[in-house]
Amino acid sequence: MNDSERISQLEKEIKDIKNKIRKDKKENPDYKKKEPTEYNKFIKKFCEEAKEKDKSDYDHKKTFSKAAAEWGALKKKDDKK
């Protein structure tokens, strides 16, 4: 077996394992999705507000960067208290 065949076989095995894990989570009645963190909630709200405000000029990448910077500033301010 040459290297490219071996790599292809390993990639297929990894894909199969990932699919099995996803399937197991979906079929497990005890599996619970995690609650969003304060960071997740902040980013979501920030991006939604920016999208509504900017309408056609909305750029997710720039907005996300601004949101992350804003979060960092808020956390830094909270840490000083």
Protein backbone atom coordinates (compact mmCIF):
# COMPACT_ATOMS: atom_id res chain seq x y z
CA MET A 1 0.00 0.00 0.00
CA ASN A 2 1.48 3.33 -1.01
CA ASP A 3 1.35 6.53 1.04
CA SER A 4 -1.58 8.15 -0.76
CA GLU A 5 -3.72 5.01 -0.40
CA ARG A 6 -2.83 4.81 3.28
CA ILE A 7 -3.69 8.47 3.82
CA SER A 8 -7.02 8.02 2.03
CA GLN A 9 -7.84 4.99 4.16
CA LEU A 10 -6.97 6.84 7.38
CA GLU A 11 -9.03 9.87 6.36
CA LYS A 12 -12.01 7.61 5.71
CA GLU A 13 -11.60 5.94 9.11
CA ILE A 14 -11.46 9.33 10.85
CA LYS A 15 -14.59 10.48 9.01
CA ASP A 16 -16.41 7.29 10.04
CA ILE A 17 -15.41 7.76 13.68
CA LYS A 18 -16.60 11.39 13.69
CA ASN A 19 -19.93 10.37 12.16
CA LYS A 20 -20.38 7.65 14.78
CA ILE A 21 -19.73 10.12 17.60
CA ARG A 22 -22.28 12.59 16.16
CA LYS A 23 -24.83 9.82 15.73
CA ASP A 24 -24.27 8.58 19.30
CA LYS A 25 -24.90 12.08 20.68
CA LYS A 26 -28.13 12.47 18.72
CA GLU A 27 -29.45 9.06 19.77
CA ASN A 28 -28.47 9.40 23.43
CA PRO A 29 -31.51 10.60 25.41
CA ASP A 30 -29.26 11.81 28.24
CA TYR A 31 -27.21 14.05 25.97
CA LYS A 32 -27.80 17.68 26.83
CA LYS A 33 -26.56 20.61 24.85
CA LYS A 34 -24.45 22.99 26.90
CA GLU A 35 -25.89 26.31 27.97
CA PRO A 36 -24.30 29.28 26.20
CA THR A 37 -21.66 31.11 28.22
CA GLU A 38 -21.85 34.81 29.02
CA TYR A 39 -19.33 35.35 26.22
CA ASN A 40 -21.52 33.46 23.73
CA LYS A 41 -24.57 35.48 24.75
CA PHE A 42 -22.67 38.77 24.49
CA ILE A 43 -21.25 37.99 21.03
CA LYS A 44 -24.63 36.87 19.71
CA LYS A 45 -26.39 39.99 20.97
CA PHE A 46 -23.60 42.28 19.70
CA CYS A 47 -23.66 40.72 16.22
CA GLU A 48 -27.47 40.78 15.99
CA GLU A 49 -27.56 44.45 16.95
CA ALA A 50 -24.82 45.30 14.45
CA LYS A 51 -26.57 43.37 11.69
CA GLU A 52 -29.81 45.23 12.35
CA LYS A 53 -28.02 48.59 12.52
CA ASP A 54 -25.73 48.16 9.50
CA LYS A 55 -28.19 46.30 7.24
CA SER A 56 -26.49 46.01 3.83
CA ASP A 57 -23.01 47.08 5.05
CA TYR A 58 -22.82 44.28 7.64
CA ASP A 59 -19.48 42.46 7.68
CA HIS A 60 -19.50 39.54 10.11
CA LYS A 61 -15.73 39.26 10.34
CA LYS A 62 -15.28 42.93 11.30
CA THR A 63 -18.28 42.86 13.62
CA PHE A 64 -17.03 39.74 15.38
CA SER A 65 -13.61 41.36 15.85
CA LYS A 66 -15.25 44.45 17.34
CA ALA A 67 -17.40 42.29 19.61
CA ALA A 68 -14.39 40.34 20.86
CA ALA A 69 -12.50 43.58 21.55
CA GLU A 70 -15.53 44.99 23.37
CA TRP A 71 -15.80 41.81 25.45
CA GLY A 72 -12.11 42.05 26.33
CA ALA A 73 -12.55 45.66 27.44
CA LEU A 74 -15.55 44.75 29.56
CA LYS A 75 -13.71 41.86 31.20
CA LYS A 76 -10.67 44.02 31.85
CA LYS A 77 -12.90 46.62 33.49
CA ASP A 78 -14.63 43.92 35.59
CA ASP A 79 -11.26 42.49 36.70
CA LYS A 80 -10.16 45.89 38.03
CA LYS A 81 -13.16 46.07 40.36
